Protein backbone atom coordinates (compact mmCIF):
# COMPACT_ATOMS: atom_id res chain seq x y z
CA MET A 1 -38.58 -9.52 -78.83
CA VAL A 2 -41.40 -10.23 -81.71
CA LYS A 3 -43.19 -6.81 -80.66
CA ALA A 4 -40.58 -5.11 -82.09
CA PHE A 5 -40.76 -6.41 -85.44
CA ALA A 6 -44.62 -6.01 -84.96
CA ILE A 7 -44.44 -2.34 -84.57
CA PRO A 8 -44.10 -0.84 -88.12
CA PHE A 9 -47.20 -3.54 -89.15
CA MET A 10 -48.94 -1.67 -86.87
CA ILE A 11 -47.91 1.91 -88.04
CA CYS A 12 -48.18 0.86 -91.39
CA ILE A 13 -52.09 -0.49 -90.83
CA HIS A 14 -52.94 2.99 -89.17
CA ILE A 15 -51.59 5.02 -92.00
CA TYR A 16 -53.42 2.73 -94.55
CA GLU A 17 -56.83 3.28 -92.21
CA GLN A 18 -56.26 6.83 -91.82
CA PHE A 19 -55.13 7.99 -95.18
CA GLY A 20 -56.09 5.01 -97.95
CA GLY A 21 -58.69 5.74 -100.44
CA TYR A 22 -59.89 2.33 -100.42
CA ASP A 23 -63.72 1.19 -98.61
CA PHE A 24 -62.16 -0.88 -96.53
CA ALA A 25 -64.83 -0.64 -94.07
CA ASP A 26 -67.60 -1.95 -96.79
CA THR A 27 -65.24 -4.13 -98.97
CA ALA A 28 -63.38 -6.82 -98.68
CA PRO A 29 -59.29 -6.75 -99.66
CA ASP A 30 -59.65 -7.55 -103.27
CA THR A 31 -55.99 -6.65 -104.32
CA LEU A 32 -52.56 -7.91 -103.56
CA PHE A 33 -51.23 -4.97 -101.65
CA ARG A 34 -54.71 -4.49 -99.69
CA ASN A 35 -54.72 -8.11 -98.71
CA VAL A 36 -50.84 -7.93 -97.55
CA MET A 37 -51.62 -5.02 -95.41
CA GLU A 38 -54.49 -6.43 -93.79
CA PHE A 39 -53.12 -9.29 -92.93
CA ILE A 40 -49.81 -8.04 -91.46
CA GLY A 41 -52.17 -5.12 -89.66
CA GLY A 42 -54.06 -7.75 -88.58
CA PRO A 43 -52.68 -11.24 -87.04
CA LEU A 44 -49.30 -9.97 -87.17
CA ALA A 45 -50.06 -6.94 -85.02
CA ALA A 46 -52.65 -6.86 -81.86
CA PRO A 47 -52.66 -10.45 -81.74
CA VAL A 48 -48.68 -10.98 -81.19
CA PHE A 49 -48.64 -7.87 -79.08
CA MET A 50 -51.23 -9.50 -76.66
CA PHE A 51 -49.63 -12.88 -76.78
CA SER A 52 -46.33 -11.28 -75.96
CA MET A 53 -48.25 -9.37 -72.77
CA GLY A 54 -48.90 -12.94 -71.72
CA ILE A 55 -45.66 -14.00 -71.68
CA GLY A 56 -44.59 -10.92 -70.00
CA ILE A 57 -46.99 -11.60 -67.14
CA LYS A 58 -45.68 -15.09 -66.44
CA TYR A 59 -42.12 -13.48 -66.46
CA THR A 60 -42.58 -10.47 -64.51
CA ARG A 61 -41.08 -10.29 -60.78
CA HIS A 62 -44.28 -7.80 -59.95
CA ASP A 63 -46.75 -10.71 -59.80
CA LEU A 64 -48.85 -9.60 -57.28
CA TRP A 65 -52.26 -9.59 -57.70
CA ARG A 66 -52.66 -5.80 -56.17
CA GLU A 67 -49.74 -5.24 -58.62
CA PHE A 68 -51.52 -6.24 -61.59
CA VAL A 69 -54.87 -4.58 -60.97
CA LYS A 70 -52.58 -1.21 -60.34
CA ARG A 71 -50.90 -1.30 -63.60
CA GLY A 72 -54.24 -2.29 -65.24
CA GLY A 73 -55.54 0.92 -64.03
CA LYS A 74 -52.63 3.11 -65.00
CA LEU A 75 -52.94 1.52 -68.72
CA LEU A 76 -56.66 2.08 -68.76
CA MET A 77 -56.41 5.53 -67.62
CA THR A 78 -53.10 6.07 -70.20
CA GLY A 79 -55.44 4.76 -73.39
CA LEU A 80 -58.45 7.44 -71.69
CA MET A 81 -55.80 9.71 -72.16
CA LEU A 82 -54.73 9.31 -75.39
CA ASN A 83 -58.38 8.82 -76.78
CA PHE A 84 -58.79 12.62 -75.59
CA PHE A 85 -55.76 14.05 -77.49
CA ARG A 86 -55.53 11.88 -80.45
CA GLN A 87 -59.21 12.46 -80.80
CA THR A 88 -61.54 14.34 -78.67
CA LEU A 89 -59.32 17.57 -78.74
CA PRO A 90 -58.82 17.63 -82.80
CA GLN A 91 -62.62 17.36 -83.14
CA LEU A 92 -63.17 20.05 -80.48
CA ILE A 93 -60.51 22.39 -81.92
CA GLY A 94 -61.75 21.51 -85.77
CA LEU A 95 -65.36 22.49 -84.23
CA LEU A 96 -63.87 25.92 -82.72
CA LEU A 97 -62.54 26.45 -86.40
CA GLY A 98 -66.20 25.98 -87.95
CA ILE A 99 -65.24 21.99 -89.24
CA ASP A 100 -67.67 19.47 -88.20
CA SER A 101 -65.52 16.01 -88.17
CA GLY A 102 -68.98 14.17 -88.45
CA LEU A 103 -67.36 12.05 -85.57
CA ASP A 104 -69.26 11.16 -82.23
CA ILE A 105 -67.04 12.87 -79.76
CA ILE A 106 -67.72 10.65 -76.63
CA GLY A 107 -67.33 7.33 -78.78
CA GLY A 108 -63.72 8.49 -79.90
CA LEU A 109 -63.07 9.47 -76.10
CA LEU A 110 -64.35 6.10 -74.80
CA CYS A 111 -62.85 3.96 -77.35
CA VAL A 112 -61.89 0.76 -76.55
CA ASP A 113 -58.38 0.52 -78.42
CA ILE A 114 -55.16 -1.38 -77.28
CA LEU A 115 -54.28 0.14 -74.31
CA PRO A 116 -57.36 0.12 -72.87
CA PHE A 117 -57.92 -3.52 -73.42
CA ALA A 118 -54.52 -4.26 -72.21
CA GLY A 119 -55.69 -2.44 -69.03
CA MET A 120 -58.68 -4.53 -68.39
CA ALA A 121 -56.68 -7.58 -69.15
CA PHE A 122 -53.96 -6.85 -66.60
CA ILE A 123 -56.75 -6.16 -63.72
CA THR A 124 -58.98 -9.63 -65.31
CA VAL A 125 -55.86 -11.54 -64.57
CA GLY A 126 -54.92 -10.11 -61.17
CA VAL A 127 -58.72 -10.54 -60.08
CA MET A 128 -57.94 -14.42 -61.38
CA ARG A 129 -54.81 -14.67 -59.57
CA ARG A 130 -56.54 -13.15 -56.33
CA LEU A 131 -58.69 -16.34 -56.89
CA LYS A 132 -55.57 -18.77 -57.33
CA LEU A 133 -56.19 -19.36 -60.82
CA SER A 134 -53.47 -21.28 -62.72
CA GLU A 135 -52.69 -20.08 -65.99
CA TRP A 136 -53.98 -23.00 -67.70
CA GLN A 137 -57.42 -22.22 -65.88
CA ILE A 138 -57.22 -18.53 -66.65
CA CYS A 139 -56.74 -19.64 -70.35
CA GLY A 140 -59.93 -21.96 -70.10
CA ALA A 141 -61.43 -19.25 -68.90
CA SER A 142 -60.90 -16.91 -71.19
CA PHE A 143 -62.32 -19.10 -74.09
CA LEU A 144 -65.72 -19.36 -72.16
CA MET A 145 -65.49 -15.47 -72.32
CA GLN A 146 -64.61 -15.12 -75.77
CA ALA A 147 -67.92 -17.50 -76.31
CA VAL A 148 -70.08 -15.09 -74.21
CA GLY A 149 -68.72 -12.10 -76.54
CA ILE A 150 -69.26 -13.65 -79.63
CA TRP A 151 -73.05 -14.10 -78.16
CA SER A 152 -72.86 -10.38 -77.14
CA THR A 153 -72.50 -9.28 -80.88
CA ARG A 154 -76.45 -9.99 -81.34
CA LEU A 155 -77.03 -7.59 -78.87
CA ASP A 156 -78.34 -4.02 -79.98
CA MET A 157 -77.74 -1.13 -78.08
CA ALA A 158 -78.31 2.53 -77.99
CA PRO A 159 -75.29 5.12 -78.70
CA GLY A 160 -74.50 6.37 -75.64
CA VAL A 161 -72.16 6.43 -72.52
CA VAL A 162 -73.33 3.07 -71.31
CA GLN A 163 -72.79 1.66 -74.64
CA ASN A 164 -69.21 2.70 -74.66
CA LEU A 165 -67.94 1.64 -71.31
CA LEU A 166 -69.90 -1.86 -71.76
CA GLY A 167 -67.53 -2.11 -74.71
CA LEU A 168 -64.52 -2.79 -72.43
CA LEU A 169 -66.05 -5.61 -72.05
CA ILE A 170 -68.29 -6.51 -75.13
CA PRO A 171 -68.41 -5.39 -78.70
CA THR A 172 -71.03 -2.80 -78.87
CA GLY A 173 -70.19 -0.82 -81.53
CA LYS A 174 -67.77 0.69 -84.04
CA TRP A 175 -65.73 2.59 -81.43
CA THR A 176 -65.12 -0.97 -79.79
CA SER A 177 -62.12 -2.43 -81.44
CA PHE A 178 -60.58 -4.77 -78.50
CA PRO A 179 -63.46 -5.57 -76.35
CA LEU A 180 -62.19 -7.62 -73.41
CA THR A 181 -64.07 -11.26 -74.05
CA LEU A 182 -63.16 -11.15 -77.47
CA TRP A 183 -59.56 -11.15 -77.12
CA LEU A 184 -58.35 -12.20 -73.60
CA VAL A 185 -57.62 -15.31 -75.02
CA TYR A 186 -54.20 -13.95 -76.63
CA PRO A 187 -52.76 -12.95 -73.35
CA SER A 188 -53.78 -16.14 -71.46
CA LEU A 189 -52.55 -18.25 -74.46
CA GLY A 190 -49.13 -16.34 -73.98
CA MET A 191 -49.13 -16.64 -69.94
CA ALA A 192 -49.67 -20.39 -70.69
CA PHE A 193 -47.30 -20.23 -72.98
CA GLY A 194 -44.62 -18.34 -70.95
CA ASP A 195 -45.18 -21.40 -68.41
CA ILE A 196 -44.35 -23.97 -70.70
CA LEU A 197 -41.18 -22.08 -71.53
CA THR A 198 -40.13 -21.69 -67.93
CA LYS A 199 -39.87 -25.29 -67.38
CA CYS A 200 -38.08 -26.21 -70.68
CA THR A 201 -34.62 -26.60 -70.75
CA ASP A 202 -33.85 -26.92 -74.61
CA LYS A 203 -35.48 -23.83 -75.86
CA ASP A 204 -34.47 -24.58 -79.28
CA ARG A 205 -35.74 -27.64 -79.37
CA LEU A 206 -38.94 -26.35 -78.31
CA TYR A 207 -39.45 -23.71 -80.81
CA ARG A 208 -38.76 -25.92 -83.54
CA MET A 209 -40.98 -28.64 -82.84
CA LEU A 210 -43.62 -25.93 -82.33
CA MET A 211 -42.89 -23.84 -85.49
CA ILE A 212 -43.05 -27.47 -87.19
CA CYS A 213 -46.75 -28.30 -85.58
CA SER A 214 -47.73 -24.62 -86.35
CA ALA A 215 -46.93 -24.92 -89.69
CA VAL A 216 -48.81 -28.23 -90.20
CA PHE A 217 -51.79 -27.14 -87.98
CA PHE A 218 -52.09 -23.73 -90.22
CA SER A 219 -52.05 -25.59 -93.29
CA ALA A 220 -54.60 -28.25 -92.27
CA PHE A 221 -57.21 -25.87 -91.03
CA THR A 222 -56.85 -23.52 -93.63
CA VAL A 223 -57.08 -26.14 -96.14
CA GLY A 224 -60.46 -27.13 -94.32
CA LEU A 225 -62.03 -23.81 -94.00
CA VAL A 226 -61.43 -23.26 -97.55
CA TYR A 227 -62.90 -26.84 -98.40
CA SER A 228 -65.85 -25.72 -96.49
CA GLY A 229 -66.29 -22.51 -98.37
CA TYR A 230 -65.45 -20.18 -95.36
CA ASP A 231 -63.65 -17.11 -96.63
CA ILE A 232 -60.19 -16.71 -94.92
CA ARG A 233 -60.30 -12.82 -95.40
CA ASN A 234 -63.09 -12.88 -92.76
CA ILE A 235 -60.75 -13.72 -90.13
CA TYR A 236 -57.85 -10.40 -90.94
CA ALA A 237 -59.93 -7.99 -92.85
CA LEU A 238 -61.04 -4.74 -91.63
CA CYS A 239 -64.23 -5.11 -93.31
CA GLY A 240 -67.52 -5.48 -91.63
CA ASP A 241 -65.68 -5.48 -88.18
CA SER A 242 -64.89 -9.07 -88.55
CA TYR A 243 -61.52 -8.96 -87.20
CA TYR A 244 -62.12 -6.70 -84.32
CA HIS A 245 -65.37 -8.97 -83.28
CA HIS A 246 -63.08 -11.64 -83.29
CA SER A 247 -64.47 -15.28 -83.56
CA ILE A 248 -62.99 -18.86 -82.05
CA ILE A 249 -62.60 -19.53 -85.70
CA ALA A 250 -59.97 -16.53 -85.87
CA THR A 251 -58.18 -17.40 -82.94
CA LEU A 252 -57.59 -21.09 -84.01
CA TRP A 253 -56.24 -19.82 -87.71
CA ILE A 254 -54.20 -16.36 -85.89
CA THR A 255 -52.38 -18.64 -82.75
CA PRO A 256 -50.13 -20.78 -85.15
CA ILE A 257 -48.91 -17.85 -86.64
CA ILE A 258 -47.89 -16.13 -83.74
CA ILE A 259 -46.41 -19.30 -82.82
CA PHE A 260 -44.43 -19.22 -85.86
CA ALA A 261 -43.13 -16.01 -85.84
CA LEU A 262 -41.69 -16.22 -82.24
CA GLY A 263 -40.34 -18.67 -83.23
CA THR A 264 -38.56 -17.01 -86.21
CA CYS A 265 -38.19 -13.90 -83.98
CA TYR A 266 -36.04 -16.23 -81.49
CA PHE A 267 -33.82 -17.99 -83.70
CA ILE A 268 -33.23 -14.31 -85.74
CA CYS A 269 -32.86 -12.19 -82.17
CA GLY A 270 -30.96 -14.99 -80.68
CA LYS A 271 -27.85 -14.82 -83.38
CA ALA A 272 -28.20 -10.85 -83.19
CA ASP A 273 -28.61 -10.45 -79.20
CA ASN A 274 -25.12 -8.90 -78.36
CA THR A 275 -25.20 -6.59 -81.34
CA LYS A 276 -26.53 -2.91 -82.03
CA ILE A 277 -29.39 -4.41 -84.42
CA GLY A 278 -30.22 -6.46 -81.05
CA SER A 279 -30.42 -3.47 -78.60
CA PHE A 280 -32.31 -1.81 -81.20
CA ILE A 281 -34.93 -4.53 -80.92
CA ARG A 282 -34.59 -4.68 -77.17
CA TYR A 283 -35.41 -0.76 -76.78
CA CYS A 284 -38.28 -0.68 -79.27
CA SER A 285 -39.52 -3.80 -77.29
CA VAL A 286 -39.37 -2.19 -74.00
CA ASN A 287 -40.81 1.06 -75.18
CA LEU A 288 -43.79 -0.15 -77.40
CA ASN A 289 -46.32 2.00 -75.25
CA THR A 290 -44.39 4.85 -75.64
CA VAL A 291 -43.81 4.49 -79.77
CA TYR A 292 -47.91 3.57 -79.88
CA ILE A 293 -48.71 6.57 -78.08
CA ILE A 294 -46.13 8.91 -80.41
CA GLN A 295 -47.43 7.47 -83.62
CA TRP A 296 -51.18 8.19 -82.80
CA ILE A 297 -50.40 11.70 -81.95
CA ILE A 298 -48.57 12.07 -85.55
CA ILE A 299 -51.04 10.56 -87.08
CA SER A 300 -54.44 11.79 -85.76
CA TYR A 301 -53.03 15.57 -85.90
CA SER A 302 -51.68 14.86 -89.85
CA ALA A 303 -55.28 13.56 -90.31
CA ALA A 304 -56.65 16.59 -88.80
CA LEU A 305 -54.71 18.90 -91.33
CA PHE A 306 -55.54 16.74 -94.10
CA ILE A 307 -58.99 17.46 -93.52
CA LEU A 308 -58.25 21.06 -92.48
CA PHE A 309 -56.46 21.54 -95.84
CA GLY A 310 -58.84 19.31 -97.73
CA ILE A 311 -56.04 16.95 -98.79
CA ASN A 312 -57.38 13.89 -100.69
CA ARG A 313 -56.69 10.39 -99.38
CA SER A 314 -54.45 8.27 -101.57
CA CYS A 315 -54.99 4.48 -102.95
CA SER A 316 -50.86 4.48 -103.83
CA PRO A 317 -48.98 1.60 -102.01
CA LEU A 318 -45.75 3.39 -102.48
CA ILE A 319 -46.88 6.63 -100.78
CA LEU A 320 -49.14 4.84 -97.63
CA LEU A 321 -45.95 2.34 -97.42
CA SER A 322 -43.50 5.49 -97.51
CA GLY A 323 -45.98 6.95 -94.66
CA GLY A 324 -45.58 4.13 -92.88
CA VAL A 325 -41.83 3.94 -92.93
CA MET A 326 -41.35 7.85 -92.32
CA VAL A 327 -44.01 8.20 -89.36
CA THR A 328 -42.27 4.19 -87.71
CA ALA A 329 -38.82 6.25 -87.96
CA VAL A 330 -39.81 9.34 -86.23
CA SER A 331 -41.92 7.90 -83.95
CA VAL A 332 -39.01 5.83 -82.44
CA LEU A 333 -36.64 8.53 -82.60
CA VAL A 334 -38.62 10.77 -80.33
CA SER A 335 -39.49 7.62 -78.30
CA VAL A 336 -35.70 8.58 -76.90
CA PRO A 337 -35.90 11.32 -75.03
CA VAL A 338 -39.55 10.42 -73.70
CA ALA A 339 -37.57 7.29 -72.42
CA ARG A 340 -34.77 9.17 -70.81
CA ILE A 341 -37.47 11.60 -68.76
CA LYS A 342 -39.48 8.20 -68.07
CA MET A 343 -36.14 6.93 -66.60
CA ARG A 344 -34.87 9.55 -64.33
CA LYS A 345 -38.50 9.76 -62.97
CA ASP A 346 -38.20 6.30 -61.76
């Protein structure tokens, strides 16, 4: 259920990226607001979703390797369709109106965002299941893949279709946010964590112990990094693609944050499990993909209208946060009839 709490963080960081007037691409966060926004939109967003996805893989009843590959293919195609409707189509409409956004149409269409990554992750896990690898072996393999992904950041590739397609596997450019090799560690860690949960008889004690260990490790690791002169902002800041081009240091720093967030949600949701709030949290968690798609459609076409009418970006925290809250509310509301239609089809 921690995914439901991460939804507003995810939407707020998208609003911040698309409508914020800050130079976040070249400048590290230098204010409290920017640091908070990029932190909650970093470690508490995509990594949480990916880790939770791994837990779900462990708990799913549809655990045949063929089913993982099939589901991965559907997610990959869904991601490409979303790219078309949120980026390519508005660009084509703009060109017809004589407005050149200056963006790469092919890059936008083949953008490796969270849905294409999820598709690749399911396909990869399916193949590894076919090879009869355990959750812990998959976890070890994913760390080796991350090392390969980090090495591949040195490659200099010419922009084009090949570059963007390879972006599904390795970081090849600005349209590659979540390449498989760098980010598979989180679903695999989630699978290993799920394996521990399935064998645990006292989850309260387990979560308390893990939260304490995570807090101690996180504190010691952070102090060590700062003492050695490492800039912590390199882990979560949007500047220079340091967040998207994930490192092992980032994984070690973010993982205890995820564990602590999971434990916090476990104890909070445990008390609200049979309430309306609990039902709402479960709904958001189950329909996460639908909410994700809707919020991107809203944001993309709103951004296109801003360009069309010459509306400037804002640096006001109040405006950006209000926009995040509004888009979150609208996305969840619109997802309700969409979810009902999907249920009827199933």
